[in-house]
Amino acid sequence: MPPPTAAAVAVLDVLERSRFEVRVDGELAGFAEYRLRPPLIAFTHTLIDPRFEGQGLATRLIRAALSEARSAGLVVLPFCPFVRSYIAGHTAEYLDLAPGDLRDAFELHA
């Protein structure tokens, strides 16, 4: 499947399901589940449908979810390995979202 165009991809926070969803042309392509207890948001699991793998959708999903967390003033607990890896690879942009006293536990370093 060719990579979707930017216009065809949407990331939505589906509050009633406690997850961010990424959709391609309206079809669910994946999601990132979370537990929200302000001021904390704990990301627990990310999944991309195999039909949509390799298109950068997980990256777009997590980038949007972290941006939303920042906008809402939330502290991110990256229990999900993909979210944790994304933050570790983009420390300049996202490390500040993880609580300083737990960064070692999540293996997050500047």
PDB file of N, CA and C in Angstrom:
ATOM      1  N   MET A   1       0.849  -1.173   0.000  1.00  0.00           N
ATOM      2  CA  MET A   1       0.000   0.000   0.000  1.00  0.00           C
ATOM      3  C   MET A   1       0.898   1.240   0.000  1.00  0.00           C
ATOM      4  N   PRO A   2       0.695   2.189  -0.909  1.00  0.00           N
ATOM      5  CA  PRO A   2       1.529   3.387  -0.948  1.00  0.00           C
ATOM      6  C   PRO A   2       1.266   4.268   0.269  1.00  0.00           C
ATOM      7  N   PRO A   3       2.248   5.092   0.656  1.00  0.00           N
ATOM      8  CA  PRO A   3       2.040   5.976   1.802  1.00  0.00           C
ATOM      9  C   PRO A   3       0.876   6.923   1.534  1.00  0.00           C
ATOM     10  N   PRO A   4       0.074   7.169   2.560  1.00  0.00           N
ATOM     11  CA  PRO A   4      -1.065   8.071   2.391  1.00  0.00           C
ATOM     12  C   PRO A   4      -0.607   9.522   2.299  1.00  0.00           C
ATOM     13  N   THR A   5      -1.401  10.332   1.647  1.00  0.00           N
ATOM     14  CA  THR A   5      -1.103  11.762   1.600  1.00  0.00           C
ATOM     15  C   THR A   5      -1.465  12.372   2.948  1.00  0.00           C
ATOM     16  N   ALA A   6      -0.868  13.521   3.229  1.00  0.00           N
ATOM     17  CA  ALA A   6      -1.133  14.186   4.509  1.00  0.00           C
ATOM     18  C   ALA A   6      -2.621  14.479   4.674  1.00  0.00           C
ATOM     19  N   ALA A   7      -3.293  14.837   3.588  1.00  0.00           N
ATOM     20  CA  ALA A   7      -4.709  15.172   3.668  1.00  0.00           C
ATOM     21  C   ALA A   7      -5.559  13.959   4.020  1.00  0.00           C
ATOM     22  N   ALA A   8      -5.056  12.759   3.704  1.00  0.00           N
ATOM     23  CA  ALA A   8      -5.831  11.552   3.942  1.00  0.00           C
ATOM     24  C   ALA A   8      -5.682  11.030   5.365  1.00  0.00           C
ATOM     25  N   VAL A   9      -4.728  11.569   6.131  1.00  0.00           N
ATOM     26  CA  VAL A   9      -4.436  11.073   7.473  1.00  0.00           C
ATOM     27  C   VAL A   9      -4.991  12.035   8.522  1.00  0.00           C
ATOM     28  N   ALA A  10      -5.686  11.465   9.505  1.00  0.00           N
ATOM     29  CA  ALA A  10      -6.212  12.266  10.615  1.00  0.00           C
ATOM     30  C   ALA A  10      -5.902  11.555  11.922  1.00  0.00           C
ATOM     31  N   VAL A  11      -5.486  12.323  12.914  1.00  0.00           N
ATOM     32  CA  VAL A  11      -5.277  11.799  14.256  1.00  0.00           C
ATOM     33  C   VAL A  11      -6.302  12.455  15.165  1.00  0.00           C
ATOM     34  N   LEU A  12      -7.050  11.612  15.891  1.00  0.00           N
ATOM     35  CA  LEU A  12      -8.133  12.090  16.746  1.00  0.00           C
ATOM     36  C   LEU A  12      -7.976  11.554  18.157  1.00  0.00           C
ATOM     37  N   ASP A  13      -8.312  12.380  19.132  1.00  0.00           N
ATOM     38  CA  ASP A  13      -8.363  11.922  20.521  1.00  0.00           C
ATOM     39  C   ASP A  13      -9.787  11.445  20.766  1.00  0.00           C
ATOM     40  N   VAL A  14      -9.958  10.147  20.939  1.00  0.00           N
ATOM     41  CA  VAL A  14     -11.277   9.557  21.148  1.00  0.00           C
ATOM     42  C   VAL A  14     -11.422   9.328  22.661  1.00  0.00           C
ATOM     43  N   LEU A  15     -11.922  10.337  23.339  1.00  0.00           N
ATOM     44  CA  LEU A  15     -11.983  10.340  24.802  1.00  0.00           C
ATOM     45  C   LEU A  15     -12.725   9.147  25.374  1.00  0.00           C
ATOM     46  N   GLU A  16     -13.851   8.793  24.772  1.00  0.00           N
ATOM     47  CA  GLU A  16     -14.662   7.696  25.322  1.00  0.00           C
ATOM     48  C   GLU A  16     -13.972   6.335  25.220  1.00  0.00           C
ATOM     49  N   ARG A  17     -12.942   6.242  24.373  1.00  0.00           N
ATOM     50  CA  ARG A  17     -12.183   4.982  24.245  1.00  0.00           C
ATOM     51  C   ARG A  17     -10.791   5.098  24.863  1.00  0.00           C
ATOM     52  N   SER A  18     -10.474   6.273  25.401  1.00  0.00           N
ATOM     53  CA  SER A  18      -9.173   6.551  26.018  1.00  0.00           C
ATOM     54  C   SER A  18      -8.024   6.186  25.085  1.00  0.00           C
ATOM     55  N   ARG A  19      -8.103   6.731  23.887  1.00  0.00           N
ATOM     56  CA  ARG A  19      -7.030   6.483  22.934  1.00  0.00           C
ATOM     57  C   ARG A  19      -7.026   7.535  21.830  1.00  0.00           C
ATOM     58  N   PHE A  20      -5.837   7.740  21.303  1.00  0.00           N
ATOM     59  CA  PHE A  20      -5.682   8.522  20.088  1.00  0.00           C
ATOM     60  C   PHE A  20      -5.756   7.537  18.940  1.00  0.00           C
ATOM     61  N   GLU A  21      -6.479   7.907  17.906  1.00  0.00           N
ATOM     62  CA  GLU A  21      -6.604   7.047  16.732  1.00  0.00           C
ATOM     63  C   GLU A  21      -6.015   7.752  15.523  1.00  0.00           C
ATOM     64  N   VAL A  22      -5.388   6.976  14.656  1.00  0.00           N
ATOM     65  CA  VAL A  22      -4.941   7.490  13.371  1.00  0.00           C
ATOM     66  C   VAL A  22      -5.813   6.822  12.321  1.00  0.00           C
ATOM     67  N   ARG A  23      -6.362   7.650  11.456  1.00  0.00           N
ATOM     68  CA  ARG A  23      -7.262   7.171  10.412  1.00  0.00           C
ATOM     69  C   ARG A  23      -6.726   7.591   9.048  1.00  0.00           C
ATOM     70  N   VAL A  24      -6.876   6.704   8.082  1.00  0.00           N
ATOM     71  CA  VAL A  24      -6.481   6.969   6.700  1.00  0.00           C
ATOM     72  C   VAL A  24      -7.742   6.872   5.860  1.00  0.00           C
ATOM     73  N   ASP A  25      -8.079   7.968   5.233  1.00  0.00           N
ATOM     74  CA  ASP A  25      -9.329   8.038   4.464  1.00  0.00           C
ATOM     75  C   ASP A  25     -10.516   7.556   5.294  1.00  0.00           C
ATOM     76  N   GLY A  26     -10.522   7.906   6.573  1.00  0.00           N
ATOM     77  CA  GLY A  26     -11.617   7.549   7.468  1.00  0.00           C
ATOM     78  C   GLY A  26     -11.526   6.161   8.074  1.00  0.00           C
ATOM     79  N   GLU A  27     -10.600   5.333   7.601  1.00  0.00           N
ATOM     80  CA  GLU A  27     -10.463   3.970   8.116  1.00  0.00           C
ATOM     81  C   GLU A  27      -9.458   3.935   9.264  1.00  0.00           C
ATOM     82  N   LEU A  28      -9.835   3.249  10.351  1.00  0.00           N
ATOM     83  CA  LEU A  28      -8.948   3.117  11.490  1.00  0.00           C
ATOM     84  C   LEU A  28      -7.689   2.361  11.082  1.00  0.00           C
ATOM     85  N   ALA A  29      -6.528   3.018  11.256  1.00  0.00           N
ATOM     86  CA  ALA A  29      -5.248   2.405  10.896  1.00  0.00           C
ATOM     87  C   ALA A  29      -4.443   2.030  12.134  1.00  0.00           C
ATOM     88  N   GLY A  30      -4.757   2.644  13.268  1.00  0.00           N
ATOM     89  CA  GLY A  30      -4.028   2.337  14.491  1.00  0.00           C
ATOM     90  C   GLY A  30      -4.466   3.229  15.625  1.00  0.00           C
ATOM     91  N   PHE A  31      -3.884   2.968  16.801  1.00  0.00           N
ATOM     92  CA  PHE A  31      -4.251   3.754  17.979  1.00  0.00           C
ATOM     93  C   PHE A  31      -3.155   3.696  19.029  1.00  0.00           C
ATOM     94  N   ALA A  32      -3.213   4.667  19.928  1.00  0.00           N
ATOM     95  CA  ALA A  32      -2.339   4.713  21.099  1.00  0.00           C
ATOM     96  C   ALA A  32      -3.254   4.854  22.315  1.00  0.00           C
ATOM     97  N   GLU A  33      -3.288   3.819  23.135  1.00  0.00           N
ATOM     98  CA  GLU A  33      -4.156   3.834  24.320  1.00  0.00           C
ATOM     99  C   GLU A  33      -3.486   4.592  25.451  1.00  0.00           C
ATOM    100  N   TYR A  34      -4.325   5.206  26.275  1.00  0.00           N
ATOM    101  CA  TYR A  34      -3.809   5.942  27.421  1.00  0.00           C
ATOM    102  C   TYR A  34      -4.754   5.851  28.600  1.00  0.00           C
ATOM    103  N   ARG A  35      -4.198   6.189  29.759  1.00  0.00           N
ATOM    104  CA  ARG A  35      -4.985   6.381  30.980  1.00  0.00           C
ATOM    105  C   ARG A  35      -4.769   7.821  31.395  1.00  0.00           C
ATOM    106  N   LEU A  36      -5.852   8.527  31.551  1.00  0.00           N
ATOM    107  CA  LEU A  36      -5.773   9.955  31.861  1.00  0.00           C
ATOM    108  C   LEU A  36      -6.243  10.208  33.284  1.00  0.00           C
ATOM    109  N   ARG A  37      -5.339  10.759  34.083  1.00  0.00           N
ATOM    110  CA  ARG A  37      -5.652  11.218  35.436  1.00  0.00           C
ATOM    111  C   ARG A  37      -4.882  12.524  35.614  1.00  0.00           C
ATOM    112  N   PRO A  38      -5.477  13.639  35.127  1.00  0.00           N
ATOM    113  CA  PRO A  38      -4.756  14.913  35.142  1.00  0.00           C
ATOM    114  C   PRO A  38      -4.110  15.165  36.502  1.00  0.00           C
ATOM    115  N   PRO A  39      -2.884  15.622  36.484  1.00  0.00           N
ATOM    116  CA  PRO A  39      -2.129  16.124  35.329  1.00  0.00           C
ATOM    117  C   PRO A  39      -1.326  15.058  34.599  1.00  0.00           C
ATOM    118  N   LEU A  40      -1.639  13.787  34.804  1.00  0.00           N
ATOM    119  CA  LEU A  40      -0.876  12.707  34.177  1.00  0.00           C
ATOM    120  C   LEU A  40      -1.631  12.062  33.021  1.00  0.00           C
ATOM    121  N   ILE A  41      -0.877  11.679  32.000  1.00  0.00           N
ATOM    122  CA  ILE A  41      -1.397  10.822  30.942  1.00  0.00           C
ATOM    123  C   ILE A  41      -0.381   9.692  30.767  1.00  0.00           C
ATOM    124  N   ALA A  42      -0.843   8.473  30.959  1.00  0.00           N
ATOM    125  CA  ALA A  42       0.015   7.292  30.842  1.00  0.00           C
ATOM    126  C   ALA A  42      -0.298   6.590  29.529  1.00  0.00           C
ATOM    127  N   PHE A  43       0.657   6.583  28.625  1.00  0.00           N
ATOM    128  CA  PHE A  43       0.486   5.861  27.367  1.00  0.00           C
ATOM    129  C   PHE A  43       0.863   4.406  27.622  1.00  0.00           C
ATOM    130  N   THR A  44      -0.075   3.507  27.296  1.00  0.00           N
ATOM    131  CA  THR A  44       0.097   2.101  27.663  1.00  0.00           C
ATOM    132  C   THR A  44       0.323   1.163  26.484  1.00  0.00           C
ATOM    133  N   HIS A  45      -0.172   1.514  25.306  1.00  0.00           N
ATOM    134  CA  HIS A  45      -0.078   0.573  24.182  1.00  0.00           C
ATOM    135  C   HIS A  45      -0.316   1.314  22.877  1.00  0.00           C
ATOM    136  N   THR A  46       0.497   0.993  21.881  1.00  0.00           N
ATOM    137  CA  THR A  46       0.312   1.541  20.535  1.00  0.00           C
ATOM    138  C   THR A  46       0.241   0.380  19.559  1.00  0.00           C
ATOM    139  N   LEU A  47      -0.694   0.465  18.628  1.00  0.00           N
ATOM    140  CA  LEU A  47      -0.877  -0.600  17.649  1.00  0.00           C
ATOM    141  C   LEU A  47      -1.209   0.016  16.290  1.00  0.00           C
ATOM    142  N   ILE A  48      -0.543  -0.474  15.266  1.00  0.00           N
ATOM    143  CA  ILE A  48      -0.852  -0.096  13.884  1.00  0.00           C
ATOM    144  C   ILE A  48      -1.287  -1.365  13.164  1.00  0.00           C
ATOM    145  N   ASP A  49      -2.413  -1.292  12.478  1.00  0.00           N
ATOM    146  CA  ASP A  49      -2.912  -2.417  11.690  1.00  0.00           C
ATOM    147  C   ASP A  49      -1.818  -2.831  10.699  1.00  0.00           C
ATOM    148  N   PRO A  50      -1.526  -4.125  10.593  1.00  0.00           N
ATOM    149  CA  PRO A  50      -0.469  -4.587   9.683  1.00  0.00           C
ATOM    150  C   PRO A  50      -0.611  -4.068   8.250  1.00  0.00           C
ATOM    151  N   ARG A  51      -1.829  -3.834   7.807  1.00  0.00           N
ATOM    152  CA  ARG A  51      -2.030  -3.325   6.441  1.00  0.00           C
ATOM    153  C   ARG A  51      -1.462  -1.923   6.259  1.00  0.00           C
ATOM    154  N   PHE A  52      -1.246  -1.210   7.383  1.00  0.00           N
ATOM    155  CA  PHE A  52      -0.789   0.179   7.320  1.00  0.00           C
ATOM    156  C   PHE A  52       0.633   0.358   7.838  1.00  0.00           C
ATOM    157  N   GLU A  53       1.301  -0.736   8.185  1.00  0.00           N
ATOM    158  CA  GLU A  53       2.667  -0.631   8.716  1.00  0.00           C
ATOM    159  C   GLU A  53       3.628  -0.104   7.653  1.00  0.00           C
ATOM    160  N   GLY A  54       4.696   0.509   8.136  1.00  0.00           N
ATOM    161  CA  GLY A  54       5.738   0.993   7.240  1.00  0.00           C
ATOM    162  C   GLY A  54       5.416   2.284   6.524  1.00  0.00           C
ATOM    163  N   GLN A  55       4.385   2.989   6.950  1.00  0.00           N
ATOM    164  CA  GLN A  55       3.978   4.229   6.298  1.00  0.00           C
ATOM    165  C   GLN A  55       4.199   5.454   7.183  1.00  0.00           C
ATOM    166  N   GLY A  56       4.833   5.243   8.344  1.00  0.00           N
ATOM    167  CA  GLY A  56       5.089   6.370   9.241  1.00  0.00           C
ATOM    168  C   GLY A  56       3.896   6.806  10.060  1.00  0.00           C
ATOM    169  N   LEU A  57       2.849   5.986  10.069  1.00  0.00           N
ATOM    170  CA  LEU A  57       1.631   6.389  10.783  1.00  0.00           C
ATOM    171  C   LEU A  57       1.799   6.377  12.297  1.00  0.00           C
ATOM    172  N   ALA A  58       2.572   5.435  12.820  1.00  0.00           N
ATOM    173  CA  ALA A  58       2.789   5.401  14.270  1.00  0.00           C
ATOM    174  C   ALA A  58       3.522   6.661  14.711  1.00  0.00           C
ATOM    175  N   THR A  59       4.479   7.084  13.927  1.00  0.00           N
ATOM    176  CA  THR A  59       5.208   8.311  14.239  1.00  0.00           C
ATOM    177  C   THR A  59       4.274   9.507  14.234  1.00  0.00           C
ATOM    178  N   ARG A  60       3.445   9.607  13.221  1.00  0.00           N
ATOM    179  CA  ARG A  60       2.490  10.722  13.149  1.00  0.00           C
ATOM    180  C   ARG A  60       1.513  10.681  14.311  1.00  0.00           C
ATOM    181  N   LEU A  61       1.078   9.483  14.664  1.00  0.00           N
ATOM    182  CA  LEU A  61       0.142   9.296  15.770  1.00  0.00           C
ATOM    183  C   LEU A  61       0.755   9.768  17.081  1.00  0.00           C
ATOM    184  N   ILE A  62       1.955   9.310  17.392  1.00  0.00           N
ATOM    185  CA  ILE A  62       2.580   9.646  18.669  1.00  0.00           C
ATOM    186  C   ILE A  62       2.974  11.113  18.706  1.00  0.00           C
ATOM    187  N   ARG A  63       3.472  11.646  17.610  1.00  0.00           N
ATOM    188  CA  ARG A  63       3.802  13.074  17.560  1.00  0.00           C
ATOM    189  C   ARG A  63       2.567  13.917  17.880  1.00  0.00           C
ATOM    190  N   ALA A  64       1.434  13.581  17.292  1.00  0.00           N
ATOM    191  CA  ALA A  64       0.196  14.324  17.548  1.00  0.00           C
ATOM    192  C   ALA A  64      -0.270  14.138  18.992  1.00  0.00           C
ATOM    193  N   ALA A  65      -0.187  12.909  19.508  1.00  0.00           N
ATOM    194  CA  ALA A  65      -0.611  12.637  20.885  1.00  0.00           C
ATOM    195  C   ALA A  65       0.246  13.411  21.887  1.00  0.00           C
ATOM    196  N   LEU A  66       1.554  13.440  21.660  1.00  0.00           N
ATOM    197  CA  LEU A  66       2.437  14.179  22.564  1.00  0.00           C
ATOM    198  C   LEU A  66       2.201  15.682  22.460  1.00  0.00           C
ATOM    199  N   SER A  67       1.922  16.156  21.279  1.00  0.00           N
ATOM    200  CA  SER A  67       1.609  17.577  21.115  1.00  0.00           C
ATOM    201  C   SER A  67       0.327  17.941  21.850  1.00  0.00           C
ATOM    202  N   GLU A  68      -0.666  17.070  21.773  1.00  0.00           N
ATOM    203  CA  GLU A  68      -1.917  17.303  22.502  1.00  0.00           C
ATOM    204  C   GLU A  68      -1.682  17.284  24.011  1.00  0.00           C
ATOM    205  N   ALA A  69      -0.850  16.339  24.473  1.00  0.00           N
ATOM    206  CA  ALA A  69      -0.525  16.269  25.898  1.00  0.00           C
ATOM    207  C   ALA A  69       0.132  17.575  26.345  1.00  0.00           C
ATOM    208  N   ARG A  70       1.062  18.067  25.544  1.00  0.00           N
ATOM    209  CA  ARG A  70       1.731  19.331  25.872  1.00  0.00           C
ATOM    210  C   ARG A  70       0.721  20.474  25.940  1.00  0.00           C
ATOM    211  N   SER A  71      -0.136  20.565  24.926  1.00  0.00           N
ATOM    212  CA  SER A  71      -1.143  21.636  24.885  1.00  0.00           C
ATOM    213  C   SER A  71      -2.055  21.613  26.100  1.00  0.00           C
ATOM    214  N   ALA A  72      -2.342  20.398  26.590  1.00  0.00           N
ATOM    215  CA  ALA A  72      -3.228  20.248  27.749  1.00  0.00           C
ATOM    216  C   ALA A  72      -2.479  20.383  29.073  1.00  0.00           C
ATOM    217  N   GLY A  73      -1.158  20.573  29.018  1.00  0.00           N
ATOM    218  CA  GLY A  73      -0.374  20.717  30.232  1.00  0.00           C
ATOM    219  C   GLY A  73      -0.204  19.419  30.999  1.00  0.00           C
ATOM    220  N   LEU A  74      -0.227  18.294  30.291  1.00  0.00           N
ATOM    221  CA  LEU A  74      -0.134  16.989  30.944  1.00  0.00           C
ATOM    222  C   LEU A  74       1.312  16.506  31.055  1.00  0.00           C
ATOM    223  N   VAL A  75       1.556  15.710  32.067  1.00  0.00           N
ATOM    224  CA  VAL A  75       2.834  15.040  32.263  1.00  0.00           C
ATOM    225  C   VAL A  75       2.690  13.641  31.686  1.00  0.00           C
ATOM    226  N   VAL A  76       3.647  13.237  30.853  1.00  0.00           N
ATOM    227  CA  VAL A  76       3.560  11.973  30.118  1.00  0.00           C
ATOM    228  C   VAL A  76       4.314  10.858  30.837  1.00  0.00           C
ATOM    229  N   LEU A  77       3.630   9.743  31.038  1.00  0.00           N
ATOM    230  CA  LEU A  77       4.234   8.517  31.549  1.00  0.00           C
ATOM    231  C   LEU A  77       4.275   7.535  30.379  1.00  0.00           C
ATOM    232  N   PRO A  78       5.455   7.342  29.764  1.00  0.00           N
ATOM    233  CA  PRO A  78       5.543   6.517  28.560  1.00  0.00           C
ATOM    234  C   PRO A  78       5.762   5.028  28.866  1.00  0.00           C
ATOM    235  N   PHE A  79       4.726   4.364  29.374  1.00  0.00           N
ATOM    236  CA  PHE A  79       4.821   2.924  29.622  1.00  0.00           C
ATOM    237  C   PHE A  79       4.890   2.139  28.317  1.00  0.00           C
ATOM    238  N   CYS A  80       4.258   2.642  27.270  1.00  0.00           N
ATOM    239  CA  CYS A  80       4.291   2.003  25.958  1.00  0.00           C
ATOM    240  C   CYS A  80       5.710   2.100  25.390  1.00  0.00           C
ATOM    241  N   PRO A  81       6.292   0.972  24.979  1.00  0.00           N
ATOM    242  CA  PRO A  81       7.658   1.003  24.438  1.00  0.00           C
ATOM    243  C   PRO A  81       7.815   1.905  23.215  1.00  0.00           C
ATOM    244  N   PHE A  82       6.807   1.981  22.368  1.00  0.00           N
ATOM    245  CA  PHE A  82       6.930   2.828  21.182  1.00  0.00           C
ATOM    246  C   PHE A  82       6.957   4.300  21.569  1.00  0.00           C
ATOM    247  N   VAL A  83       6.087   4.695  22.481  1.00  0.00           N
ATOM    248  CA  VAL A  83       6.061   6.087  22.942  1.00  0.00           C
ATOM    249  C   VAL A  83       7.390   6.424  23.615  1.00  0.00           C
ATOM    250  N   ARG A  84       7.858   5.532  24.464  1.00  0.00           N
ATOM    251  CA  ARG A  84       9.133   5.744  25.162  1.00  0.00           C
ATOM    252  C   ARG A  84      10.273   5.890  24.147  1.00  0.00           C
ATOM    253  N   SER A  85      10.305   5.032  23.140  1.00  0.00           N
ATOM    254  CA  SER A  85      11.335   5.085  22.111  1.00  0.00           C
ATOM    255  C   SER A  85      11.241   6.382  21.308  1.00  0.00           C
ATOM    256  N   TYR A  86      10.040   6.819  21.025  1.00  0.00           N
ATOM    257  CA  TYR A  86       9.856   8.054  20.269  1.00  0.00           C
ATOM    258  C   TYR A  86      10.401   9.238  21.061  1.00  0.00           C
ATOM    259  N   ILE A  87      10.074   9.301  22.343  1.00  0.00           N
ATOM    260  CA  ILE A  87      10.579  10.391  23.179  1.00  0.00           C
ATOM    261  C   ILE A  87      12.107  10.329  23.243  1.00  0.00           C
ATOM    262  N   ALA A  88      12.662   9.133  23.419  1.00  0.00           N
ATOM    263  CA  ALA A  88      14.116   8.966  23.498  1.00  0.00           C
ATOM    264  C   ALA A  88      14.801   9.434  22.217  1.00  0.00           C
ATOM    265  N   GLY A  89      14.143   9.266  21.093  1.00  0.00           N
ATOM    266  CA  GLY A  89      14.714   9.687  19.817  1.00  0.00           C
ATOM    267  C   GLY A  89      14.479  11.147  19.488  1.00  0.00           C
ATOM    268  N   HIS A  90      13.663  11.808  20.290  1.00  0.00           N
ATOM    269  CA  HIS A  90      13.327  13.217  20.049  1.00  0.00           C
ATOM    270  C   HIS A  90      13.376  13.990  21.370  1.00  0.00           C
ATOM    271  N   THR A  91      14.493  13.820  22.088  1.00  0.00           N
ATOM    272  CA  THR A  91      14.568  14.403  23.434  1.00  0.00           C
ATOM    273  C   THR A  91      14.449  15.921  23.434  1.00  0.00           C
ATOM    274  N   ALA A  92      15.001  16.590  22.428  1.00  0.00           N
ATOM    275  CA  ALA A  92      14.940  18.046  22.395  1.00  0.00           C
ATOM    276  C   ALA A  92      13.498  18.545  22.371  1.00  0.00           C
ATOM    277  N   GLU A  93      12.628  17.791  21.713  1.00  0.00           N
ATOM    278  CA  GLU A  93      11.239  18.221  21.581  1.00  0.00           C
ATOM    279  C   GLU A  93      10.328  17.712  22.692  1.00  0.00           C
ATOM    280  N   TYR A  94      10.604  16.518  23.236  1.00  0.00           N
ATOM    281  CA  TYR A  94       9.610  15.872  24.089  1.00  0.00           C
ATOM    282  C   TYR A  94      10.080  15.402  25.463  1.00  0.00           C
ATOM    283  N   LEU A  95      11.374  15.409  25.742  1.00  0.00           N
ATOM    284  CA  LEU A  95      11.845  14.904  27.036  1.00  0.00           C
ATOM    285  C   LEU A  95      11.224  15.644  28.206  1.00  0.00           C
ATOM    286  N   ASP A  96      10.982  16.927  28.041  1.00  0.00           N
ATOM    287  CA  ASP A  96      10.414  17.721  29.138  1.00  0.00           C
ATOM    288  C   ASP A  96       9.012  17.266  29.539  1.00  0.00           C
ATOM    289  N   LEU A  97       8.332  16.484  28.695  1.00  0.00           N
ATOM    290  CA  LEU A  97       6.995  15.996  29.032  1.00  0.00           C
ATOM    291  C   LEU A  97       7.038  14.889  30.089  1.00  0.00           C
ATOM    292  N   ALA A  98       8.148  14.158  30.149  1.00  0.00           N
ATOM    293  CA  ALA A  98       8.294  13.069  31.134  1.00  0.00           C
ATOM    294  C   ALA A  98       8.771  13.668  32.451  1.00  0.00           C
ATOM    295  N   PRO A  99       8.233  13.181  33.569  1.00  0.00           N
ATOM    296  CA  PRO A  99       8.644  13.739  34.860  1.00  0.00           C
ATOM    297  C   PRO A  99      10.123  13.471  35.129  1.00  0.00           C
ATOM    298  N   GLY A 100      10.833  14.520  35.558  1.00  0.00           N
ATOM    299  CA  GLY A 100      12.265  14.419  35.788  1.00  0.00           C
ATOM    300  C   GLY A 100      12.660  13.302  36.729  1.00  0.00           C
ATOM    301  N   ASP A 101      11.871  13.069  37.768  1.00  0.00           N
ATOM    302  CA  ASP A 101      12.233  12.047  38.749  1.00  0.00           C
ATOM    303  C   ASP A 101      11.981  10.627  38.264  1.00  0.00           C
ATOM    304  N   LEU A 102      11.326  10.466  37.119  1.00  0.00           N
ATOM    305  CA  LEU A 102      11.056   9.125  36.577  1.00  0.00           C
ATOM    306  C   LEU A 102      11.786   8.847  35.264  1.00  0.00           C
ATOM    307  N   ARG A 103      12.562   9.802  34.792  1.00  0.00           N
ATOM    308  CA  ARG A 103      13.231   9.615  33.493  1.00  0.00           C
ATOM    309  C   ARG A 103      14.181   8.427  33.520  1.00  0.00           C
ATOM    310  N   ASP A 104      14.908   8.231  34.616  1.00  0.00           N
ATOM    311  CA  ASP A 104      15.808   7.072  34.698  1.00  0.00           C
ATOM    312  C   ASP A 104      15.017   5.775  34.624  1.00  0.00           C
ATOM    313  N   ALA A 105      13.884   5.722  35.295  1.00  0.00           N
ATOM    314  CA  ALA A 105      13.056   4.503  35.285  1.00  0.00           C
ATOM    315  C   ALA A 105      12.571   4.194  33.872  1.00  0.00           C
ATOM    316  N   PHE A 106      12.318   5.221  33.085  1.00  0.00           N
ATOM    317  CA  PHE A 106      11.869   5.039  31.698  1.00  0.00           C
ATOM    318  C   PHE A 106      13.042   5.010  30.710  1.00  0.00           C
ATOM    319  N   GLU A 107      14.267   5.091  31.245  1.00  0.00           N
ATOM    320  CA  GLU A 107      15.481   5.085  30.432  1.00  0.00           C
ATOM    321  C   GLU A 107      15.477   6.222  29.419  1.00  0.00           C
ATOM    322  N   LEU A 108      15.070   7.400  29.881  1.00  0.00           N
ATOM    323  CA  LEU A 108      15.042   8.595  29.057  1.00  0.00           C
ATOM    324  C   LEU A 108      16.120   9.553  29.552  1.00  0.00           C
ATOM    325  N   HIS A 109      17.001   9.947  28.630  1.00  0.00           N
ATOM    326  CA  HIS A 109      18.098  10.827  28.991  1.00  0.00           C
ATOM    327  C   HIS A 109      18.321  11.828  27.866  1.00  0.00           C
ATOM    328  N   ALA A 110      18.735  13.008  28.248  1.00  0.00           N
ATOM    329  CA  ALA A 110      19.019  14.062  27.247  1.00  0.00           C
ATOM    330  C   ALA A 110      20.298  13.782  26.515  1.00  0.00           C
TER     331      ALA A 110
END
